[in-house]
């Protein structure tokens, strides 16, 4: 998937890596960056479904959780 990522997708991954993003814990996750809802939820969902980002915690506190890169997501940015 690395070669298929757009500049926007890479920017979203960089925002997650910088600790600036939150994700919902749902089957179709939404993403917020700097507290604002991401305008390209399709790309955010593709990144989540591709296993490049995920919620950093899985406890039951609220819908939103900090987002983190998976090992595959870190490899894409490396």
C-alpha atoms as a PDB file:
ATOM      1  CA  UNK A   1       0.000   0.000   0.000  1.00  0.00           C
ATOM      2  CA  UNK A   2       2.994   2.281   0.534  1.00  0.00           C
ATOM      3  CA  UNK A   3       3.241   3.257  -3.166  1.00  0.00           C
ATOM      4  CA  UNK A   4      -0.504   3.938  -3.382  1.00  0.00           C
ATOM      5  CA  UNK A   5      -0.704   6.530  -0.598  1.00  0.00           C
ATOM      6  CA  UNK A   6      -1.578  10.086  -1.551  1.00  0.00           C
ATOM      7  CA  UNK A   7       0.101  13.144  -0.079  1.00  0.00           C
ATOM      8  CA  UNK A   8      -3.026  13.683   2.019  1.00  0.00           C
ATOM      9  CA  UNK A   9      -2.886  10.121   3.389  1.00  0.00           C
ATOM     10  CA  UNK A  10       0.766  10.589   4.322  1.00  0.00           C
ATOM     11  CA  UNK A  11      -0.060  13.917   5.981  1.00  0.00           C
ATOM     12  CA  UNK A  12      -2.739  12.203   8.078  1.00  0.00           C
ATOM     13  CA  UNK A  13      -0.251   9.535   9.119  1.00  0.00           C
ATOM     14  CA  UNK A  14       2.274  12.230  10.069  1.00  0.00           C
ATOM     15  CA  UNK A  15      -0.399  13.975  12.177  1.00  0.00           C
ATOM     16  CA  UNK A  16      -1.097  10.689  13.970  1.00  0.00           C
ATOM     17  CA  UNK A  17       2.637  10.133  14.512  1.00  0.00           C
ATOM     18  CA  UNK A  18       2.927  13.640  15.985  1.00  0.00           C
ATOM     19  CA  UNK A  19       0.177  12.901  18.509  1.00  0.00           C
ATOM     20  CA  UNK A  20      -2.236  15.404  16.951  1.00  0.00           C
ATOM     21  CA  UNK A  21      -5.045  12.977  16.030  1.00  0.00           C
ATOM     22  CA  UNK A  22      -7.940  11.165  17.660  1.00  0.00           C
ATOM     23  CA  UNK A  23      -9.963   8.320  16.216  1.00  0.00           C
ATOM     24  CA  UNK A  24     -13.341   6.834  17.037  1.00  0.00           C
ATOM     25  CA  UNK A  25     -13.589   3.272  18.216  1.00  0.00           C
ATOM     26  CA  UNK A  26     -16.087   2.112  15.634  1.00  0.00           C
ATOM     27  CA  UNK A  27     -16.303  -0.160  12.618  1.00  0.00           C
ATOM     28  CA  UNK A  28     -16.047   2.899  10.353  1.00  0.00           C
ATOM     29  CA  UNK A  29     -13.642   5.113  12.309  1.00  0.00           C
ATOM     30  CA  UNK A  30     -13.663   8.897  12.059  1.00  0.00           C
ATOM     31  CA  UNK A  31     -10.541  10.978  12.559  1.00  0.00           C
ATOM     32  CA  UNK A  32      -9.975  14.391  14.177  1.00  0.00           C
ATOM     33  CA  UNK A  33      -6.748  16.338  13.768  1.00  0.00           C
ATOM     34  CA  UNK A  34      -6.007  19.225  16.123  1.00  0.00           C
ATOM     35  CA  UNK A  35      -9.560  18.872  17.446  1.00  0.00           C
ATOM     36  CA  UNK A  36     -11.166  19.328  14.014  1.00  0.00           C
ATOM     37  CA  UNK A  37     -13.006  16.603  12.142  1.00  0.00           C
ATOM     38  CA  UNK A  38     -10.927  15.413   9.198  1.00  0.00           C
ATOM     39  CA  UNK A  39     -12.448  16.584   5.912  1.00  0.00           C
ATOM     40  CA  UNK A  40     -11.450  13.358   4.145  1.00  0.00           C
ATOM     41  CA  UNK A  41     -13.027  10.605   6.221  1.00  0.00           C
ATOM     42  CA  UNK A  42     -12.771   8.172   3.290  1.00  0.00           C
ATOM     43  CA  UNK A  43      -8.972   8.370   3.419  1.00  0.00           C
ATOM     44  CA  UNK A  44      -8.965   8.165   7.215  1.00  0.00           C
ATOM     45  CA  UNK A  45     -11.085   5.018   7.060  1.00  0.00           C
ATOM     46  CA  UNK A  46      -8.913   3.479   4.355  1.00  0.00           C
ATOM     47  CA  UNK A  47      -5.832   4.028   6.533  1.00  0.00           C
ATOM     48  CA  UNK A  48      -7.557   2.428   9.519  1.00  0.00           C
ATOM     49  CA  UNK A  49      -8.869  -0.521   7.516  1.00  0.00           C
ATOM     50  CA  UNK A  50      -5.416  -1.000   5.963  1.00  0.00           C
ATOM     51  CA  UNK A  51      -4.053  -1.402   9.499  1.00  0.00           C
ATOM     52  CA  UNK A  52      -1.898   1.739   9.453  1.00  0.00           C
ATOM     53  CA  UNK A  53      -3.546   3.528  12.388  1.00  0.00           C
ATOM     54  CA  UNK A  54      -5.672   2.531  15.364  1.00  0.00           C
ATOM     55  CA  UNK A  55      -6.986   3.800  18.699  1.00  0.00           C
ATOM     56  CA  UNK A  56      -4.166   4.019  21.230  1.00  0.00           C
ATOM     57  CA  UNK A  57      -6.397   2.715  24.004  1.00  0.00           C
ATOM     58  CA  UNK A  58      -9.286   0.307  23.997  1.00  0.00           C
ATOM     59  CA  UNK A  59     -10.952   1.005  27.333  1.00  0.00           C
ATOM     60  CA  UNK A  60     -14.605   1.995  27.438  1.00  0.00           C
ATOM     61  CA  UNK A  61     -14.095   5.700  28.215  1.00  0.00           C
ATOM     62  CA  UNK A  62     -15.866   7.663  25.458  1.00  0.00           C
ATOM     63  CA  UNK A  63     -16.153   7.328  21.736  1.00  0.00           C
ATOM     64  CA  UNK A  64     -12.902   9.123  20.850  1.00  0.00           C
ATOM     65  CA  UNK A  65      -9.390   7.887  21.681  1.00  0.00           C
ATOM     66  CA  UNK A  66      -5.933   9.152  20.800  1.00  0.00           C
ATOM     67  CA  UNK A  67      -4.817   7.673  17.481  1.00  0.00           C
ATOM     68  CA  UNK A  68      -1.538   5.835  17.070  1.00  0.00           C
ATOM     69  CA  UNK A  69       0.328   4.329  14.164  1.00  0.00           C
ATOM     70  CA  UNK A  70       0.599   0.584  13.934  1.00  0.00           C
ATOM     71  CA  UNK A  71       3.985  -0.975  13.142  1.00  0.00           C
ATOM     72  CA  UNK A  72       2.894  -1.034   9.469  1.00  0.00           C
ATOM     73  CA  UNK A  73       1.996   2.673   9.662  1.00  0.00           C
ATOM     74  CA  UNK A  74       5.396   3.504  11.134  1.00  0.00           C
ATOM     75  CA  UNK A  75       7.075   1.496   8.388  1.00  0.00           C
ATOM     76  CA  UNK A  76       5.227   3.467   5.707  1.00  0.00           C
ATOM     77  CA  UNK A  77       6.552   6.744   7.123  1.00  0.00           C
ATOM     78  CA  UNK A  78      10.087   5.436   7.665  1.00  0.00           C
END
